[in-house]
Each structure stands twice: as structure tokens, then as C-alpha cells.
């Protein structure tokens, strides 16, 4: 199924998925929170930590910077940031209190503190020009992309950087078809292995549909440029199945 034209993609995505986004995903993430990281390790054939390291290699940090992890989940990125640079002030925002509770425990066990907010990432509760670095990983398929990216640009300091990672829609139709077959198998297997609840099991079709309606790496780069980001760069993994994007908020003048 071909996705809608880029100019109307966001409108069509919201029309199709708004009920899932607003009424169902909270229950899904509450269900999967206790086993989220283990399930991803299984689904990725043991490559989950490599995926994280690959994304982290795109991120530049300096001592004392203020960083925000959007849709922070179990704090995998916040912990990785602090491991790299312990002097960072790291903030996390996520809609799921259950996911963040797992993340709080994970960070605390390592002696790290991450400032956590439970809230809607489409309206970030932070002032303008506040963060040096903002990250967002494996969540954008469930969001109104342009609204969130505008908010991230708002809270970034001029010259600050936004780093993004997500599963994308591969540009090659054959790769895309194989990708969806594999994902269907993974969702079925992990659902059985971890005894997923009804909420998660009922969303298996949604996860594939959302990816089919999502962006390729080039399309997401175009969206970032249209929203006023500069120095946009993209790197893909596994023929475009996963994409890393880096973009900056322009300096004034």
C-alpha cells in the first residue's frame, strides 16, 4: 500500500490513527513496560544494544549541557547520555508513567538521576531556547510528527541539535515487503513469549499500518527542512529500515 502524498501525510495519519493514539496506546505501554527492553532484544535478534550504540555514535555532547529525551520510555537514551557524559543535566518526558517508572529504576540502579515529566510531547512543558540537545527514539510513528518537531525546535537553543532515530518505511518496495513479513512474525512471537495483554495484542495490526503510512529517510529529512531546521543529515541502517537524523536549530541572523 503506497502512503499518501507528503503534503497531506500528517492529515491522513491523524485521521486514521487518532483513536489508537489517544485512547489505546497508554494501555499498550502500561502492558509492555515490564518487558519492553527484553522484547526488543528478542525481536532485534540480539542487536538492540548495537542499534542504541549506532544511534549514540551520531550524537555530539559537551560537558554541562542540558539534554531532553522525548518519548523517553525506559530511559535507554538518558542512561546512555549520562554514561557518555556524566556532567549532563538530563530531562525525560513520556506519556507513560509505567514506562518511566521502569526507566527511573534503571537509572537509579546505575546511580544516575534523570528529571522526569509525564506529559504530552505535542506541547512540551519547557521554555523556549532551553536545551542544547534533544533526542527522540522509536516513537515518532505514534505521534503527530510536525507538531512534535515544531515543539522540539522551539525548546532547542539556537545552534542546538535534534537527534532522531526510528523505524522508517524503506524506500525499496521489495525490502519493505520483506520487512513487514518479519515484523508480523516478531510481533506474534514476542506477544506469545512475554504473554502480552489484550491491549498490546490488539495493536499488532496497528504497528504495521503505522509504519506503512510513515516516512522514508529522505521524506523525513524534507519534513525537518520544511520546519526550519538546518544542517539536516540522515543515515540509514538495513536498507532504510531504521534511520538516524541529525538537525540543528539555526543561529539568529
Protein backbone atom coordinates (compact mmCIF):
# COMPACT_ATOMS: atom_id res chain seq x y z
CA UNK A 1 0.00 0.00 0.00
CA UNK A 2 1.50 3.32 -1.08
CA UNK A 3 1.41 6.07 1.56
CA UNK A 4 -0.42 9.32 0.82
CA UNK A 5 1.37 12.28 -0.72
CA UNK A 6 3.85 14.01 1.56
CA UNK A 7 1.80 17.23 1.53
CA UNK A 8 -1.19 15.50 3.16
CA UNK A 9 0.57 12.68 5.03
CA UNK A 10 0.13 14.15 8.50
CA UNK A 11 -3.56 14.85 7.98
CA UNK A 12 -4.23 11.33 6.74
CA UNK A 13 -2.16 9.74 9.53
CA UNK A 14 -4.08 11.63 12.20
CA UNK A 15 -7.44 10.80 10.66
CA UNK A 16 -6.60 7.12 10.54
CA UNK A 17 -4.77 6.63 13.84
CA UNK A 18 -6.02 9.31 16.25
CA UNK A 19 -8.23 6.86 18.16
CA UNK A 20 -5.31 4.49 18.75
CA UNK A 21 -3.01 7.36 19.70
CA UNK A 22 -5.39 8.98 22.17
CA UNK A 23 -7.31 6.00 23.59
CA UNK A 24 -5.29 2.81 23.22
CA UNK A 25 -1.53 3.38 23.36
CA UNK A 26 -1.42 4.25 27.06
CA UNK A 27 -2.78 0.78 27.86
CA UNK A 28 -0.33 -0.82 25.42
CA UNK A 29 2.72 0.79 27.02
CA UNK A 30 1.46 0.07 30.53
CA UNK A 31 1.23 -3.57 29.48
CA UNK A 32 4.66 -3.83 27.82
CA UNK A 33 6.67 -1.66 30.25
CA UNK A 34 7.97 -4.53 32.45
CA UNK A 35 9.36 -6.47 29.49
CA UNK A 36 9.81 -3.75 26.84
CA UNK A 37 13.61 -3.89 26.67
CA UNK A 38 13.77 -7.69 26.73
CA UNK A 39 11.15 -7.97 23.99
CA UNK A 40 13.08 -5.56 21.78
CA UNK A 41 16.26 -7.57 22.31
CA UNK A 42 14.44 -10.70 21.16
CA UNK A 43 12.71 -9.00 18.22
CA UNK A 44 16.01 -7.50 17.01
CA UNK A 45 17.78 -10.88 17.17
CA UNK A 46 20.07 -9.57 19.89
CA UNK A 47 21.00 -6.37 18.06
CA UNK A 48 19.09 -3.96 20.32
CA UNK A 49 22.18 -2.65 22.13
CA UNK A 50 24.01 -2.32 18.82
CA UNK A 51 21.13 -0.21 17.50
CA UNK A 52 21.45 2.01 20.56
CA UNK A 53 25.22 2.33 20.16
CA UNK A 54 24.79 3.16 16.47
CA UNK A 55 22.38 5.98 17.29
CA UNK A 56 24.54 7.28 20.13
CA UNK A 57 27.51 7.49 17.76
CA UNK A 58 25.67 10.26 15.88
CA UNK A 59 25.29 12.45 18.99
CA UNK A 60 27.81 15.14 19.91
CA UNK A 61 27.98 16.15 23.57
CA UNK A 62 29.87 18.69 25.65
CA UNK A 63 30.24 18.81 29.46
CA UNK A 64 27.47 20.56 31.34
CA UNK A 65 24.93 20.60 28.53
CA UNK A 66 21.20 20.33 29.15
CA UNK A 67 19.56 17.47 27.25
CA UNK A 68 15.96 16.38 26.75
CA UNK A 69 14.89 12.87 25.75
CA UNK A 70 11.40 12.98 24.21
CA UNK A 71 9.26 9.84 24.49
CA UNK A 72 11.93 8.56 26.84
CA UNK A 73 10.28 5.23 27.63
CA UNK A 74 12.58 3.19 29.88
CA UNK A 75 15.35 5.84 29.73
CA UNK A 76 17.69 3.91 27.45
CA UNK A 77 18.86 7.14 25.80
CA UNK A 78 19.08 9.18 29.01
CA UNK A 79 21.22 6.49 30.63
CA UNK A 80 23.44 6.24 27.54
CA UNK A 81 23.88 10.03 27.52
CA UNK A 82 24.94 10.07 31.16
CA UNK A 83 27.29 7.16 30.66
CA UNK A 84 28.98 9.14 27.91
CA UNK A 85 28.98 12.49 29.76
CA UNK A 86 28.07 12.33 33.49
CA UNK A 87 28.00 16.14 33.82
CA UNK A 88 24.90 16.46 31.63
CA UNK A 89 21.59 17.67 33.03
CA UNK A 90 19.20 15.13 31.51
CA UNK A 91 15.43 15.53 31.33
CA UNK A 92 12.91 12.97 30.11
CA UNK A 93 9.30 13.29 29.01
CA UNK A 94 6.94 10.44 28.21
CA UNK A 95 3.19 9.86 28.23
CA UNK A 96 3.52 6.55 30.07
CA UNK A 97 4.06 6.66 33.83
CA UNK A 98 4.63 2.90 33.78
CA UNK A 99 7.46 3.13 31.23
CA UNK A 100 9.07 6.00 33.12
CA UNK A 101 8.87 4.10 36.40
CA UNK A 102 10.88 1.29 34.81
CA UNK A 103 13.27 3.94 33.48
CA UNK A 104 13.60 5.58 36.90
CA UNK A 105 14.52 2.26 38.45
CA UNK A 106 17.04 1.51 35.70
CA UNK A 107 18.72 4.90 36.04
CA UNK A 108 18.72 4.76 39.86
CA UNK A 109 20.36 1.33 39.86
CA UNK A 110 23.27 2.90 37.98
CA UNK A 111 23.48 5.95 40.23
CA UNK A 112 22.03 8.35 37.63
CA UNK A 113 19.27 10.92 38.12
CA UNK A 114 17.05 11.89 35.21
CA UNK A 115 14.46 14.64 35.65
CA UNK A 116 11.18 13.05 34.56
CA UNK A 117 7.92 14.60 33.36
CA UNK A 118 4.81 12.63 32.44
CA UNK A 119 3.01 14.57 29.75
CA UNK A 120 2.01 15.18 26.16
CA UNK A 121 5.05 15.63 23.91
CA UNK A 122 2.97 17.62 21.42
CA UNK A 123 3.07 20.52 23.93
CA UNK A 124 6.43 20.36 25.70
CA UNK A 125 6.28 21.97 29.18
CA UNK A 126 9.63 23.72 28.80
CA UNK A 127 10.60 27.30 27.90
CA UNK A 128 11.88 28.43 24.53
CA UNK A 129 15.60 28.05 23.76
CA UNK A 130 16.20 25.80 26.76
CA UNK A 131 18.06 22.66 25.64
CA UNK A 132 21.40 22.09 23.93
CA UNK A 133 20.43 18.59 22.80
CA UNK A 134 17.08 16.90 22.19
CA UNK A 135 16.70 13.22 21.33
CA UNK A 136 13.73 11.16 20.16
CA UNK A 137 13.95 7.42 19.53
CA UNK A 138 11.45 4.78 18.33
CA UNK A 139 8.27 6.73 18.97
CA UNK A 140 7.59 9.14 16.12
CA UNK A 141 5.35 6.67 14.28
CA UNK A 142 2.85 7.17 17.11
CA UNK A 143 2.91 10.98 17.00
CA UNK A 144 1.76 13.98 15.00
CA UNK A 145 5.24 14.38 13.59
CA UNK A 146 5.19 18.02 12.53
CA UNK A 147 3.65 19.22 15.80
CA UNK A 148 6.30 17.43 17.88
CA UNK A 149 9.18 18.51 15.66
CA UNK A 150 8.00 22.15 15.89
CA UNK A 151 7.93 21.89 19.68
CA UNK A 152 11.41 20.39 19.74
CA UNK A 153 12.70 23.23 17.57
CA UNK A 154 11.08 25.72 19.96
CA UNK A 155 12.78 24.34 23.08
CA UNK A 156 16.17 23.95 21.42
CA UNK A 157 18.71 26.70 21.89
CA UNK A 158 19.88 28.37 18.68
CA UNK A 159 22.68 26.18 17.42
CA UNK A 160 21.35 23.23 19.44
CA UNK A 161 20.87 19.83 17.85
CA UNK A 162 17.98 17.41 17.47
CA UNK A 163 18.84 13.72 17.09
CA UNK A 164 16.16 11.35 15.85
CA UNK A 165 16.01 7.58 15.41
CA UNK A 166 13.08 5.42 14.37
CA UNK A 167 11.94 2.53 12.25
CA UNK A 168 11.15 4.01 8.85
CA UNK A 169 9.38 2.95 5.69
CA UNK A 170 12.11 1.54 3.41
CA UNK A 171 12.43 3.21 0.02
CA UNK A 172 12.84 -0.14 -1.75
CA UNK A 173 9.43 -1.85 -2.26
CA UNK A 174 10.89 -5.38 -2.06
CA UNK A 175 12.77 -4.61 1.17
CA UNK A 176 9.60 -3.01 2.53
CA UNK A 177 7.55 -6.15 1.83
CA UNK A 178 10.10 -8.45 3.50
CA UNK A 179 10.34 -6.03 6.42
CA UNK A 180 6.61 -6.20 7.16
CA UNK A 181 6.58 -10.00 6.99
CA UNK A 182 9.39 -10.15 9.53
CA UNK A 183 7.73 -7.61 11.82
CA UNK A 184 4.45 -9.54 11.80
CA UNK A 185 6.34 -12.67 12.82
CA UNK A 186 8.19 -10.76 15.57
CA UNK A 187 5.04 -9.23 16.99
CA UNK A 188 3.33 -12.62 17.11
CA UNK A 189 6.35 -14.34 18.68
CA UNK A 190 7.10 -11.70 21.32
CA UNK A 191 3.40 -11.43 22.18
CA UNK A 192 3.34 -15.17 22.86
CA UNK A 193 6.74 -15.32 24.59
CA UNK A 194 6.07 -12.46 27.01
CA UNK A 195 2.36 -13.20 27.46
CA UNK A 196 1.28 -9.78 26.23
CA UNK A 197 -2.06 -8.49 27.45
CA UNK A 198 -5.11 -7.76 25.35
CA UNK A 199 -4.19 -4.10 24.71
CA UNK A 200 -0.83 -4.97 23.16
CA UNK A 201 -2.16 -7.94 21.19
CA UNK A 202 -4.98 -5.86 19.73
CA UNK A 203 -2.49 -3.31 18.37
CA UNK A 204 -0.36 -5.73 16.34
CA UNK A 205 -2.02 -4.70 13.07
CA UNK A 206 -1.75 -1.03 14.00
CA UNK A 207 2.03 -1.22 14.35
CA UNK A 208 2.38 -2.43 10.75
CA UNK A 209 -0.22 0.00 9.42
CA UNK A 210 1.51 2.93 11.12
CA UNK A 211 4.82 2.01 9.53
CA UNK A 212 3.25 1.69 6.08
CA UNK A 213 1.89 5.23 6.47
CA UNK A 214 5.14 6.64 7.86
CA UNK A 215 8.11 8.36 6.20
CA UNK A 216 11.18 7.18 4.38
CA UNK A 217 14.54 8.65 5.43
CA UNK A 218 14.51 11.18 2.57
CA UNK A 219 10.93 12.23 3.31
CA UNK A 220 11.69 12.78 6.99
CA UNK A 221 14.70 14.92 6.03
CA UNK A 222 12.38 17.01 3.85
CA UNK A 223 9.94 17.46 6.74
CA UNK A 224 12.76 18.68 9.01
CA UNK A 225 13.93 21.23 6.44
CA UNK A 226 10.37 22.47 5.84
CA UNK A 227 10.02 23.09 9.59
CA UNK A 228 13.08 25.34 9.64
CA UNK A 229 15.86 23.02 10.76
CA UNK A 230 19.25 23.36 9.13
CA UNK A 231 22.24 21.06 8.58
CA UNK A 232 19.90 18.09 8.21
CA UNK A 233 21.74 14.79 7.77
CA UNK A 234 20.44 11.22 7.63
CA UNK A 235 21.98 7.79 7.93
CA UNK A 236 20.08 4.55 7.39
CA UNK A 237 20.62 1.02 8.65
CA UNK A 238 19.48 -2.20 6.95
CA UNK A 239 18.34 -0.69 3.65
CA UNK A 240 16.36 2.11 5.25
CA UNK A 241 14.53 0.05 7.86
CA UNK A 242 15.99 2.27 10.59
CA UNK A 243 17.03 5.87 10.13
CA UNK A 244 19.12 8.31 12.15
CA UNK A 245 18.58 12.02 11.58
CA UNK A 246 20.55 14.96 12.88
CA UNK A 247 19.31 18.54 12.53
CA UNK A 248 20.15 21.91 14.06
CA UNK A 249 18.18 24.98 15.07
CA UNK A 250 19.60 27.89 13.10
CA UNK A 251 21.54 30.65 14.81
CA UNK A 252 19.86 34.07 14.59
CA UNK A 253 20.85 36.45 11.83
